[in-house]
PDB file of N, CA and C in Angstrom:
ATOM      1  N   MET A   1      43.715  84.027  91.837  1.00  0.00           N
ATOM      2  CA  MET A   1      43.585  82.993  92.848  1.00  0.00           C
ATOM      3  C   MET A   1      44.442  81.773  92.504  1.00  0.00           C
ATOM      4  N   SER A   2      44.511  81.413  91.229  1.00  0.00           N
ATOM      5  CA  SER A   2      45.300  80.244  90.820  1.00  0.00           C
ATOM      6  C   SER A   2      46.756  80.402  91.225  1.00  0.00           C
ATOM      7  N   TYR A   3      47.266  81.613  91.071  1.00  0.00           N
ATOM      8  CA  TYR A   3      48.657  81.878  91.440  1.00  0.00           C
ATOM      9  C   TYR A   3      48.887  81.585  92.925  1.00  0.00           C
ATOM     10  N   ILE A   4      47.936  81.991  93.756  1.00  0.00           N
ATOM     11  CA  ILE A   4      48.060  81.789  95.194  1.00  0.00           C
ATOM     12  C   ILE A   4      48.022  80.300  95.535  1.00  0.00           C
ATOM     13  N   ILE A   5      47.173  79.551  94.868  1.00  0.00           N
ATOM     14  CA  ILE A   5      47.076  78.108  95.120  1.00  0.00           C
ATOM     15  C   ILE A   5      48.392  77.428  94.750  1.00  0.00           C
ATOM     16  N   LYS A   6      48.953  77.788  93.593  1.00  0.00           N
ATOM     17  CA  LYS A   6      50.215  77.185  93.168  1.00  0.00           C
ATOM     18  C   LYS A   6      51.339  77.561  94.139  1.00  0.00           C
ATOM     19  N   MET A   7      51.345  78.795  94.599  1.00  0.00           N
ATOM     20  CA  MET A   7      52.352  79.229  95.557  1.00  0.00           C
ATOM     21  C   MET A   7      52.184  78.468  96.883  1.00  0.00           C
ATOM     22  N   ALA A   8      50.947  78.214  97.284  1.00  0.00           N
ATOM     23  CA  ALA A   8      50.688  77.463  98.520  1.00  0.00           C
ATOM     24  C   ALA A   8      51.283  76.056  98.437  1.00  0.00           C
ATOM     25  N   LEU A   9      51.223  75.438  97.266  1.00  0.00           N
ATOM     26  CA  LEU A   9      51.826  74.111  97.092  1.00  0.00           C
ATOM     27  C   LEU A   9      53.326  74.156  97.343  1.00  0.00           C
ATOM     28  N   ASP A  10      53.969  75.160  96.784  1.00  0.00           N
ATOM     29  CA  ASP A  10      55.419  75.291  96.972  1.00  0.00           C
ATOM     30  C   ASP A  10      55.770  75.545  98.439  1.00  0.00           C
ATOM     31  N   ILE A  11      54.971  76.348  99.113  1.00  0.00           N
ATOM     32  CA  ILE A  11      55.224  76.631 100.524  1.00  0.00           C
ATOM     33  C   ILE A  11      55.055  75.358 101.346  1.00  0.00           C
ATOM     34  N   LYS A  12      53.975  74.620 101.101  1.00  0.00           N
ATOM     35  CA  LYS A  12      53.726  73.389 101.845  1.00  0.00           C
ATOM     36  C   LYS A  12      54.819  72.351 101.596  1.00  0.00           C
ATOM     37  N   ALA A  13      55.320  72.303 100.373  1.00  0.00           N
ATOM     38  CA  ALA A  13      56.391  71.360 100.049  1.00  0.00           C
ATOM     39  C   ALA A  13      57.711  71.765 100.709  1.00  0.00           C
ATOM     40  N   GLY A  14      57.816  73.012 101.106  1.00  0.00           N
ATOM     41  CA  GLY A  14      59.045  73.496 101.722  1.00  0.00           C
ATOM     42  C   GLY A  14      59.210  73.112 103.183  1.00  0.00           C
ATOM     43  N   PHE A  15      58.142  72.688 103.817  1.00  0.00           N
ATOM     44  CA  PHE A  15      58.229  72.262 105.218  1.00  0.00           C
ATOM     45  C   PHE A  15      58.777  70.848 105.307  1.00  0.00           C
ATOM     46  N   GLU A  16      59.337  70.528 106.459  1.00  0.00           N
ATOM     47  CA  GLU A  16      59.840  69.178 106.700  1.00  0.00           C
ATOM     48  C   GLU A  16      59.247  68.649 107.991  1.00  0.00           C
ATOM     49  N   PRO A  17      58.341  67.715 107.964  1.00  0.00           N
ATOM     50  CA  PRO A  17      57.755  67.109 106.770  1.00  0.00           C
ATOM     51  C   PRO A  17      56.817  68.094 106.065  1.00  0.00           C
ATOM     52  N   PRO A  18      56.509  67.831 104.801  1.00  0.00           N
ATOM     53  CA  PRO A  18      55.630  68.736 104.057  1.00  0.00           C
ATOM     54  C   PRO A  18      54.264  68.885 104.732  1.00  0.00           C
ATOM     55  N   ALA A  19      53.708  70.070 104.659  1.00  0.00           N
ATOM     56  CA  ALA A  19      52.376  70.331 105.216  1.00  0.00           C
ATOM     57  C   ALA A  19      51.317  69.689 104.323  1.00  0.00           C
ATOM     58  N   GLN A  20      50.230  69.286 104.919  1.00  0.00           N
ATOM     59  CA  GLN A  20      49.153  68.641 104.172  1.00  0.00           C
ATOM     60  C   GLN A  20      48.338  69.662 103.377  1.00  0.00           C
ATOM     61  N   MET A  21      47.743  69.210 102.288  1.00  0.00           N
ATOM     62  CA  MET A  21      46.839  70.052 101.513  1.00  0.00           C
ATOM     63  C   MET A  21      45.562  70.267 102.312  1.00  0.00           C
ATOM     64  N   SER A  22      44.968  71.429 102.113  1.00  0.00           N
ATOM     65  CA  SER A  22      43.756  71.742 102.860  1.00  0.00           C
ATOM     66  C   SER A  22      42.514  71.801 101.982  1.00  0.00           C
ATOM     67  N   SER A  23      42.668  71.733 100.675  1.00  0.00           N
ATOM     68  CA  SER A  23      41.492  71.811  99.814  1.00  0.00           C
ATOM     69  C   SER A  23      41.699  71.030  98.521  1.00  0.00           C
ATOM     70  N   PRO A  24      40.599  70.613  97.914  1.00  0.00           N
ATOM     71  CA  PRO A  24      40.708  69.914  96.634  1.00  0.00           C
ATOM     72  C   PRO A  24      41.249  70.814  95.520  1.00  0.00           C
ATOM     73  N   ILE A  25      41.099  72.104  95.670  1.00  0.00           N
ATOM     74  CA  ILE A  25      41.652  73.028  94.678  1.00  0.00           C
ATOM     75  C   ILE A  25      43.164  72.836  94.595  1.00  0.00           C
ATOM     76  N   GLU A  26      43.810  72.717  95.746  1.00  0.00           N
ATOM     77  CA  GLU A  26      45.247  72.477  95.767  1.00  0.00           C
ATOM     78  C   GLU A  26      45.581  71.133  95.128  1.00  0.00           C
ATOM     79  N   ALA A  27      44.751  70.134  95.378  1.00  0.00           N
ATOM     80  CA  ALA A  27      45.005  68.806  94.826  1.00  0.00           C
ATOM     81  C   ALA A  27      44.935  68.816  93.301  1.00  0.00           C
ATOM     82  N   TYR A  28      43.947  69.487  92.745  1.00  0.00           N
ATOM     83  CA  TYR A  28      43.856  69.552  91.282  1.00  0.00           C
ATOM     84  C   TYR A  28      45.036  70.322  90.703  1.00  0.00           C
ATOM     85  N   CYS A  29      45.429  71.403  91.346  1.00  0.00           N
ATOM     86  CA  CYS A  29      46.599  72.156  90.895  1.00  0.00           C
ATOM     87  C   CYS A  29      47.847  71.281  90.974  1.00  0.00           C
ATOM     88  N   ALA A  30      47.953  70.485  92.025  1.00  0.00           N
ATOM     89  CA  ALA A  30      49.104  69.597  92.188  1.00  0.00           C
ATOM     90  C   ALA A  30      49.164  68.546  91.091  1.00  0.00           C
ATOM     91  N   ILE A  31      48.025  68.049  90.647  1.00  0.00           N
ATOM     92  CA  ILE A  31      48.008  67.068  89.564  1.00  0.00           C
ATOM     93  C   ILE A  31      48.653  67.664  88.321  1.00  0.00           C
ATOM     94  N   GLY A  32      48.253  68.874  87.976  1.00  0.00           N
ATOM     95  CA  GLY A  32      48.841  69.538  86.815  1.00  0.00           C
ATOM     96  C   GLY A  32      50.316  69.829  86.997  1.00  0.00           C
ATOM     97  N   THR A  33      50.688  70.275  88.174  1.00  0.00           N
ATOM     98  CA  THR A  33      52.083  70.600  88.473  1.00  0.00           C
ATOM     99  C   THR A  33      52.980  69.374  88.346  1.00  0.00           C
ATOM    100  N   VAL A  34      52.565  68.280  88.973  1.00  0.00           N
ATOM    101  CA  VAL A  34      53.368  67.055  88.931  1.00  0.00           C
ATOM    102  C   VAL A  34      53.430  66.494  87.513  1.00  0.00           C
ATOM    103  N   ALA A  35      52.308  66.506  86.814  1.00  0.00           N
ATOM    104  CA  ALA A  35      52.295  65.977  85.446  1.00  0.00           C
ATOM    105  C   ALA A  35      53.279  66.727  84.553  1.00  0.00           C
ATOM    106  N   LYS A  36      53.274  68.039  84.630  1.00  0.00           N
ATOM    107  CA  LYS A  36      54.180  68.833  83.799  1.00  0.00           C
ATOM    108  C   LYS A  36      55.634  68.581  84.188  1.00  0.00           C
ATOM    109  N   ALA A  37      55.910  68.568  85.482  1.00  0.00           N
ATOM    110  CA  ALA A  37      57.276  68.351  85.945  1.00  0.00           C
ATOM    111  C   ALA A  37      57.798  66.978  85.536  1.00  0.00           C
ATOM    112  N   MET A  38      56.908  66.012  85.441  1.00  0.00           N
ATOM    113  CA  MET A  38      57.294  64.653  85.041  1.00  0.00           C
ATOM    114  C   MET A  38      57.265  64.479  83.523  1.00  0.00           C
ATOM    115  N   ARG A  39      57.018  65.584  82.814  1.00  0.00           N
ATOM    116  CA  ARG A  39      57.003  65.615  81.346  1.00  0.00           C
ATOM    117  C   ARG A  39      55.919  64.718  80.744  1.00  0.00           C
ATOM    118  N   LEU A  40      54.754  64.737  81.395  1.00  0.00           N
ATOM    119  CA  LEU A  40      53.599  64.005  80.900  1.00  0.00           C
ATOM    120  C   LEU A  40      52.690  64.965  80.143  1.00  0.00           C
ATOM    121  N   ASP A  41      51.779  64.408  79.359  1.00  0.00           N
ATOM    122  CA  ASP A  41      50.773  65.230  78.708  1.00  0.00           C
ATOM    123  C   ASP A  41      49.812  65.796  79.746  1.00  0.00           C
ATOM    124  N   LEU A  42      49.082  66.822  79.356  1.00  0.00           N
ATOM    125  CA  LEU A  42      48.056  67.379  80.224  1.00  0.00           C
ATOM    126  C   LEU A  42      47.092  66.262  80.608  1.00  0.00           C
ATOM    127  N   PRO A  43      46.865  66.040  81.894  1.00  0.00           N
ATOM    128  CA  PRO A  43      45.988  64.939  82.303  1.00  0.00           C
ATOM    129  C   PRO A  43      44.572  65.074  81.750  1.00  0.00           C
ATOM    130  N   ALA A  44      43.988  63.947  81.412  1.00  0.00           N
ATOM    131  CA  ALA A  44      42.616  63.917  80.913  1.00  0.00           C
ATOM    132  C   ALA A  44      41.647  64.088  82.074  1.00  0.00           C
ATOM    133  N   ARG A  45      40.536  64.698  81.785  1.00  0.00           N
ATOM    134  CA  ARG A  45      39.500  64.887  82.802  1.00  0.00           C
ATOM    135  C   ARG A  45      38.857  63.546  83.141  1.00  0.00           C
ATOM    136  N   ARG A  46      38.714  63.307  84.419  1.00  0.00           N
ATOM    137  CA  ARG A  46      37.994  62.134  84.931  1.00  0.00           C
ATOM    138  C   ARG A  46      36.890  62.631  85.853  1.00  0.00           C
ATOM    139  N   ASP A  47      35.989  61.758  86.258  1.00  0.00           N
ATOM    140  CA  ASP A  47      34.824  62.166  87.052  1.00  0.00           C
ATOM    141  C   ASP A  47      35.172  62.662  88.453  1.00  0.00           C
ATOM    142  N   THR A  48      36.226  62.098  89.046  1.00  0.00           N
ATOM    143  CA  THR A  48      36.561  62.474  90.420  1.00  0.00           C
ATOM    144  C   THR A  48      38.053  62.765  90.578  1.00  0.00           C
ATOM    145  N   LEU A  49      38.356  63.444  91.653  1.00  0.00           N
ATOM    146  CA  LEU A  49      39.747  63.731  91.999  1.00  0.00           C
ATOM    147  C   LEU A  49      40.537  62.444  92.171  1.00  0.00           C
ATOM    148  N   PHE A  50      39.964  61.472  92.876  1.00  0.00           N
ATOM    149  CA  PHE A  50      40.689  60.225  93.123  1.00  0.00           C
ATOM    150  C   PHE A  50      40.980  59.474  91.826  1.00  0.00           C
ATOM    151  N   GLU A  51      40.088  59.538  90.854  1.00  0.00           N
ATOM    152  CA  GLU A  51      40.354  58.897  89.560  1.00  0.00           C
ATOM    153  C   GLU A  51      41.511  59.598  88.845  1.00  0.00           C
ATOM    154  N   MET A  52      41.522  60.914  88.898  1.00  0.00           N
ATOM    155  CA  MET A  52      42.601  61.665  88.257  1.00  0.00           C
ATOM    156  C   MET A  52      43.925  61.412  88.970  1.00  0.00           C
ATOM    157  N   ARG A  53      43.872  61.347  90.273  1.00  0.00           N
ATOM    158  CA  ARG A  53      45.080  61.076  91.053  1.00  0.00           C
ATOM    159  C   ARG A  53      45.610  59.676  90.754  1.00  0.00           C
ATOM    160  N   GLU A  54      44.727  58.710  90.610  1.00  0.00           N
ATOM    161  CA  GLU A  54      45.136  57.337  90.303  1.00  0.00           C
ATOM    162  C   GLU A  54      45.772  57.260  88.913  1.00  0.00           C
ATOM    163  N   ASP A  55      45.200  57.979  87.943  1.00  0.00           N
ATOM    164  CA  ASP A  55      45.802  58.027  86.606  1.00  0.00           C
ATOM    165  C   ASP A  55      47.222  58.576  86.678  1.00  0.00           C
ATOM    166  N   LEU A  56      47.399  59.663  87.424  1.00  0.00           N
ATOM    167  CA  LEU A  56      48.728  60.256  87.564  1.00  0.00           C
ATOM    168  C   LEU A  56      49.681  59.274  88.232  1.00  0.00           C
ATOM    169  N   LYS A  57      49.227  58.636  89.291  1.00  0.00           N
ATOM    170  CA  LYS A  57      50.061  57.671  89.993  1.00  0.00           C
ATOM    171  C   LYS A  57      50.523  56.567  89.047  1.00  0.00           C
ATOM    172  N   ASN A  58      49.631  56.061  88.214  1.00  0.00           N
ATOM    173  CA  ASN A  58      49.994  55.010  87.262  1.00  0.00           C
ATOM    174  C   ASN A  58      51.004  55.501  86.229  1.00  0.00           C
ATOM    175  N   GLU A  59      50.898  56.759  85.836  1.00  0.00           N
ATOM    176  CA  GLU A  59      51.819  57.339  84.848  1.00  0.00           C
ATOM    177  C   GLU A  59      53.224  57.531  85.401  1.00  0.00           C
ATOM    178  N   ILE A  60      53.333  57.867  86.676  1.00  0.00           N
ATOM    179  CA  ILE A  60      54.647  58.184  87.233  1.00  0.00           C
ATOM    180  C   ILE A  60      55.273  57.022  87.991  1.00  0.00           C
ATOM    181  N   ASP A  61      54.523  55.960  88.186  1.00  0.00           N
ATOM    182  CA  ASP A  61      55.033  54.815  88.953  1.00  0.00           C
ATOM    183  C   ASP A  61      56.356  54.317  88.372  1.00  0.00           C
ATOM    184  N   GLY A  62      57.360  54.254  89.225  1.00  0.00           N
ATOM    185  CA  GLY A  62      58.677  53.766  88.819  1.00  0.00           C
ATOM    186  C   GLY A  62      59.592  54.809  88.203  1.00  0.00           C
ATOM    187  N   LYS A  63      59.106  56.034  88.019  1.00  0.00           N
ATOM    188  CA  LYS A  63      59.932  57.101  87.447  1.00  0.00           C
ATOM    189  C   LYS A  63      60.562  57.927  88.563  1.00  0.00           C
ATOM    190  N   ASP A  64      61.709  58.488  88.280  1.00  0.00           N
ATOM    191  CA  ASP A  64      62.388  59.356  89.230  1.00  0.00           C
ATOM    192  C   ASP A  64      61.798  60.763  89.160  1.00  0.00           C
ATOM    193  N   PHE A  65      61.685  61.394  90.308  1.00  0.00           N
ATOM    194  CA  PHE A  65      61.212  62.773  90.356  1.00  0.00           C
ATOM    195  C   PHE A  65      62.341  63.700  89.934  1.00  0.00           C
ATOM    196  N   PRO A  66      62.037  64.760  89.195  1.00  0.00           N
ATOM    197  CA  PRO A  66      63.089  65.662  88.726  1.00  0.00           C
ATOM    198  C   PRO A  66      63.712  66.511  89.834  1.00  0.00           C
ATOM    199  N   GLU A  67      62.989  66.670  90.936  1.00  0.00           N
ATOM    200  CA  GLU A  67      63.502  67.466  92.055  1.00  0.00           C
ATOM    201  C   GLU A  67      62.714  67.123  93.313  1.00  0.00           C
ATOM    202  N   PRO A  68      63.308  67.357  94.482  1.00  0.00           N
ATOM    203  CA  PRO A  68      62.624  67.032  95.741  1.00  0.00           C
ATOM    204  C   PRO A  68      61.283  67.749  95.917  1.00  0.00           C
ATOM    205  N   ARG A  69      61.168  68.973  95.432  1.00  0.00           N
ATOM    206  CA  ARG A  69      59.910  69.725  95.554  1.00  0.00           C
ATOM    207  C   ARG A  69      58.758  68.971  94.914  1.00  0.00           C
ATOM    208  N   ILE A  70      58.978  68.422  93.738  1.00  0.00           N
ATOM    209  CA  ILE A  70      57.927  67.689  93.033  1.00  0.00           C
ATOM    210  C   ILE A  70      57.599  66.396  93.771  1.00  0.00           C
ATOM    211  N   GLU A  71      58.604  65.734  94.292  1.00  0.00           N
ATOM    212  CA  GLU A  71      58.353  64.522  95.067  1.00  0.00           C
ATOM    213  C   GLU A  71      57.489  64.828  96.296  1.00  0.00           C
ATOM    214  N   LYS A  72      57.757  65.939  96.967  1.00  0.00           N
ATOM    215  CA  LYS A  72      56.976  66.318  98.139  1.00  0.00           C
ATOM    216  C   LYS A  72      55.547  66.697  97.758  1.00  0.00           C
ATOM    217  N   ILE A  73      55.387  67.445  96.663  1.00  0.00           N
ATOM    218  CA  ILE A  73      54.036  67.797  96.207  1.00  0.00           C
ATOM    219  C   ILE A  73      53.263  66.532  95.870  1.00  0.00           C
ATOM    220  N   CYS A  74      53.911  65.596  95.217  1.00  0.00           N
ATOM    221  CA  CYS A  74      53.264  64.331  94.880  1.00  0.00           C
ATOM    222  C   CYS A  74      52.873  63.573  96.151  1.00  0.00           C
ATOM    223  N   HIS A  75      53.755  63.563  97.126  1.00  0.00           N
ATOM    224  CA  HIS A  75      53.475  62.870  98.384  1.00  0.00           C
ATOM    225  C   HIS A  75      52.235  63.448  99.073  1.00  0.00           C
ATOM    226  N   ILE A  76      52.161  64.766  99.173  1.00  0.00           N
ATOM    227  CA  ILE A  76      51.002  65.349  99.855  1.00  0.00           C
ATOM    228  C   ILE A  76      49.732  65.194  99.014  1.00  0.00           C
ATOM    229  N   LEU A  77      49.869  65.161  97.698  1.00  0.00           N
ATOM    230  CA  LEU A  77      48.710  64.880  96.834  1.00  0.00           C
ATOM    231  C   LEU A  77      48.186  63.477  97.087  1.00  0.00           C
ATOM    232  N   MET A  78      49.071  62.507  97.126  1.00  0.00           N
ATOM    233  CA  MET A  78      48.651  61.113  97.296  1.00  0.00           C
ATOM    234  C   MET A  78      48.078  60.850  98.687  1.00  0.00           C
ATOM    235  N   SER A  79      48.394  61.703  99.650  1.00  0.00           N
ATOM    236  CA  SER A  79      47.850  61.510 101.001  1.00  0.00           C
ATOM    237  C   SER A  79      46.594  62.349 101.254  1.00  0.00           C
ATOM    238  N   PHE A  80      46.164  63.117 100.276  1.00  0.00           N
ATOM    239  CA  PHE A  80      44.946  63.918 100.431  1.00  0.00           C
ATOM    240  C   PHE A  80      43.743  62.982 100.504  1.00  0.00           C
ATOM    241  N   ILE A  81      42.889  63.158 101.504  1.00  0.00           N
ATOM    242  CA  ILE A  81      41.845  62.163 101.767  1.00  0.00           C
ATOM    243  C   ILE A  81      40.436  62.553 101.303  1.00  0.00           C
ATOM    244  N   ARG A  82      40.255  63.737 100.783  1.00  0.00           N
ATOM    245  CA  ARG A  82      38.914  64.187 100.410  1.00  0.00           C
ATOM    246  C   ARG A  82      38.692  64.053  98.914  1.00  0.00           C
ATOM    247  N   ASN A  83      37.817  63.171  98.522  1.00  0.00           N
ATOM    248  CA  ASN A  83      37.490  63.007  97.110  1.00  0.00           C
ATOM    249  C   ASN A  83      36.478  64.072  96.710  1.00  0.00           C
ATOM    250  N   GLU A  84      36.538  64.505  95.476  1.00  0.00           N
ATOM    251  CA  GLU A  84      35.633  65.529  94.960  1.00  0.00           C
ATOM    252  C   GLU A  84      35.230  65.183  93.538  1.00  0.00           C
ATOM    253  N   THR A  85      34.090  65.682  93.135  1.00  0.00           N
ATOM    254  CA  THR A  85      33.664  65.574  91.746  1.00  0.00           C
ATOM    255  C   THR A  85      34.443  66.607  90.943  1.00  0.00           C
ATOM    256  N   THR A  86      34.913  66.212  89.788  1.00  0.00           N
ATOM    257  CA  THR A  86      35.671  67.126  88.932  1.00  0.00           C
ATOM    258  C   THR A  86      34.714  68.095  88.257  1.00  0.00           C
ATOM    259  N   THR A  87      34.959  69.370  88.466  1.00  0.00           N
ATOM    260  CA  THR A  87      34.158  70.431  87.855  1.00  0.00           C
ATOM    261  C   THR A  87      35.032  71.211  86.880  1.00  0.00           C
ATOM    262  N   ASP A  88      34.391  72.073  86.098  1.00  0.00           N
ATOM    263  CA  ASP A  88      35.157  72.926  85.189  1.00  0.00           C
ATOM    264  C   ASP A  88      36.137  73.801  85.973  1.00  0.00           C
ATOM    265  N   ARG A  89      35.710  74.304  87.116  1.00  0.00           N
ATOM    266  CA  ARG A  89      36.578  75.152  87.943  1.00  0.00           C
ATOM    267  C   ARG A  89      37.799  74.367  88.417  1.00  0.00           C
ATOM    268  N   MET A  90      37.592  73.138  88.853  1.00  0.00           N
ATOM    269  CA  MET A  90      38.713  72.324  89.315  1.00  0.00           C
ATOM    270  C   MET A  90      39.689  72.059  88.165  1.00  0.00           C
ATOM    271  N   MET A  91      39.152  71.836  86.988  1.00  0.00           N
ATOM    272  CA  MET A  91      40.016  71.615  85.817  1.00  0.00           C
ATOM    273  C   MET A  91      40.831  72.858  85.492  1.00  0.00           C
ATOM    274  N   GLU A  92      40.272  74.020  85.711  1.00  0.00           N
ATOM    275  CA  GLU A  92      41.023  75.255  85.476  1.00  0.00           C
ATOM    276  C   GLU A  92      42.253  75.320  86.380  1.00  0.00           C
ATOM    277  N   TYR A  93      42.100  74.901  87.630  1.00  0.00           N
ATOM    278  CA  TYR A  93      43.246  74.880  88.550  1.00  0.00           C
ATOM    279  C   TYR A  93      44.283  73.851  88.112  1.00  0.00           C
ATOM    280  N   MET A  94      43.815  72.718  87.630  1.00  0.00           N
ATOM    281  CA  MET A  94      44.743  71.688  87.154  1.00  0.00           C
ATOM    282  C   MET A  94      45.517  72.206  85.940  1.00  0.00           C
ATOM    283  N   VAL A  95      44.821  72.830  85.006  1.00  0.00           N
ATOM    284  CA  VAL A  95      45.473  73.378  83.819  1.00  0.00           C
ATOM    285  C   VAL A  95      46.445  74.490  84.212  1.00  0.00           C
ATOM    286  N   TYR A  96      46.067  75.334  85.164  1.00  0.00           N
ATOM    287  CA  TYR A  96      46.968  76.393  85.609  1.00  0.00           C
ATOM    288  C   TYR A  96      48.254  75.794  86.185  1.00  0.00           C
ATOM    289  N   GLY A  97      48.113  74.781  87.030  1.00  0.00           N
ATOM    290  CA  GLY A  97      49.290  74.120  87.592  1.00  0.00           C
ATOM    291  C   GLY A  97      50.187  73.556  86.514  1.00  0.00           C
ATOM    292  N   TYR A  98      49.572  72.990  85.491  1.00  0.00           N
ATOM    293  CA  TYR A  98      50.330  72.390  84.391  1.00  0.00           C
ATOM    294  C   TYR A  98      51.034  73.472  83.571  1.00  0.00           C
ATOM    295  N   GLU A  99      50.297  74.488  83.179  1.00  0.00           N
ATOM    296  CA  GLU A  99      50.845  75.521  82.295  1.00  0.00           C
ATOM    297  C   GLU A  99      51.869  76.421  82.972  1.00  0.00           C
ATOM    298  N   ASN A 100      51.856  76.474  84.283  1.00  0.00           N
ATOM    299  CA  ASN A 100      52.754  77.378  84.999  1.00  0.00           C
ATOM    300  C   ASN A 100      53.856  76.656  85.772  1.00  0.00           C
ATOM    301  N   GLU A 101      54.087  75.405  85.430  1.00  0.00           N
ATOM    302  CA  GLU A 101      55.205  74.667  86.015  1.00  0.00           C
ATOM    303  C   GLU A 101      56.367  74.697  85.044  1.00  0.00           C
ATOM    304  N   PRO A 102      57.469  75.344  85.422  1.00  0.00           N
ATOM    305  CA  PRO A 102      58.623  75.367  84.507  1.00  0.00           C
ATOM    306  C   PRO A 102      59.273  73.988  84.439  1.00  0.00           C
ATOM    307  N   ILE A 103      59.763  73.660  83.269  1.00  0.00           N
ATOM    308  CA  ILE A 103      60.508  72.387  83.141  1.00  0.00           C
ATOM    309  C   ILE A 103      61.890  72.666  82.602  1.00  0.00           C
TER     310      ILE A 103
END
């Protein structure tokens, strides 16, 4: 399932304008994907998706994106409006996104 979620991010980023995320699972995967692409450490677990997203935003603020795909994934992540409590399952998706993003 993780593979499909990561592939969905790439597909959504391929549209112009990028398609919106439909689930928090995609958002957690996107956090890991963007963090790895930006050469950051694996993000620390926080209580909510919005807290984790804010941490990522603070880490990448002012940095250039390595490629347009990552910029688009980041854009759709930052516009995701549904906050969620961070669970072990959500963290697994975030770790998968991080570990499977080539740099």
